[in-house]
Amino acid sequence: MAVLRGDHAAIDRAAASLSPRSGRDGTPVAVRLTDLARILDSHLAREERVLFPLVATRLTEADSTFLVRELRGVGRK
């Protein structure tokens, strides 16, 4: 889990680097975007391999149904 949290921090930093104010170091936007894409690809693959299977083994049917409904926005106003 610490690795996934670290990924989120890296994603936040890479996304923040896209701000015009952050671009003052001379790194081209294309390079910064490529870096963000690499971090996201790695993170999502890790979630698919580790986190999601773990969650699937621990959720009850009711929890799973609730989570799906929440993610789909069912019942929200």
Protein backbone atom coordinates (compact mmCIF):
# COMPACT_ATOMS: atom_id res chain seq x y z
CA MET A 1 0.00 0.00 0.00
CA ALA A 2 2.89 2.36 0.70
CA VAL A 3 4.04 1.93 -2.89
CA LEU A 4 0.59 2.87 -4.19
CA ARG A 5 0.54 5.94 -1.93
CA GLY A 6 3.97 6.88 -3.23
CA ASP A 7 2.62 6.51 -6.76
CA HIS A 8 -0.16 8.96 -5.93
CA ALA A 9 2.37 11.49 -4.67
CA ALA A 10 4.41 11.05 -7.87
CA ILE A 11 1.24 11.44 -9.97
CA ASP A 12 0.38 14.64 -8.11
CA ARG A 13 3.88 16.03 -8.67
CA ALA A 14 3.88 15.09 -12.36
CA ALA A 15 0.44 16.62 -12.86
CA ALA A 16 1.51 19.78 -11.03
CA SER A 17 4.52 20.02 -13.35
CA LEU A 18 2.09 20.69 -16.20
CA SER A 19 1.17 24.04 -14.68
CA PRO A 20 2.63 27.01 -16.57
CA ARG A 21 4.32 28.13 -13.36
CA SER A 22 6.02 24.76 -12.98
CA GLY A 23 7.37 24.76 -16.50
CA ARG A 24 10.11 27.24 -15.73
CA ASP A 25 12.82 24.59 -15.48
CA GLY A 26 12.92 24.30 -19.25
CA THR A 27 11.59 20.74 -19.46
CA PRO A 28 9.36 20.50 -22.54
CA VAL A 29 5.68 19.80 -21.93
CA ALA A 30 5.92 16.64 -24.06
CA VAL A 31 8.56 15.26 -21.71
CA ARG A 32 6.47 16.10 -18.65
CA LEU A 33 3.40 14.47 -20.23
CA THR A 34 5.39 11.37 -21.10
CA ASP A 35 6.59 11.15 -17.50
CA LEU A 36 3.03 11.46 -16.19
CA ALA A 37 1.83 8.77 -18.62
CA ARG A 38 4.63 6.42 -17.52
CA ILE A 39 3.78 6.88 -13.84
CA LEU A 40 0.06 6.36 -14.49
CA ASP A 41 0.66 3.22 -16.57
CA SER A 42 2.82 1.71 -13.86
CA HIS A 43 0.40 2.64 -11.10
CA LEU A 44 -2.68 1.32 -12.87
CA ALA A 45 -0.94 -1.95 -13.70
CA ARG A 46 0.02 -2.35 -10.03
CA GLU A 47 -3.59 -1.71 -8.96
CA GLU A 48 -4.85 -4.28 -11.47
CA ARG A 49 -2.37 -6.94 -10.32
CA VAL A 50 -2.40 -6.35 -6.57
CA LEU A 51 -5.01 -3.99 -5.15
CA PHE A 52 -8.14 -4.94 -7.07
CA PRO A 53 -7.74 -8.72 -6.55
CA LEU A 54 -7.12 -8.13 -2.84
CA VAL A 55 -10.21 -5.95 -2.51
CA ALA A 56 -12.29 -8.54 -4.39
CA THR A 57 -11.39 -11.19 -1.81
CA ARG A 58 -12.33 -8.98 1.13
CA LEU A 59 -15.58 -7.29 0.09
CA THR A 60 -18.90 -8.76 1.06
CA GLU A 61 -21.59 -8.98 -1.61
CA ALA A 62 -23.40 -6.04 0.00
CA ASP A 63 -20.19 -3.95 0.10
CA SER A 64 -19.47 -4.79 -3.52
CA THR A 65 -22.97 -3.79 -4.61
CA PHE A 66 -22.75 -0.53 -2.65
CA LEU A 67 -19.34 0.29 -4.13
CA VAL A 68 -20.50 -0.36 -7.69
CA ARG A 69 -23.56 1.82 -7.17
CA GLU A 70 -21.45 4.63 -5.70
CA LEU A 71 -18.91 4.50 -8.52
CA ARG A 72 -21.67 4.62 -11.09
CA GLY A 73 -23.39 7.49 -9.30
CA VAL A 74 -26.62 5.55 -8.83
CA GLY A 75 -28.94 7.29 -6.42
CA ARG A 76 -27.02 10.57 -6.36
CA LYS A 77 -28.85 13.80 -6.92
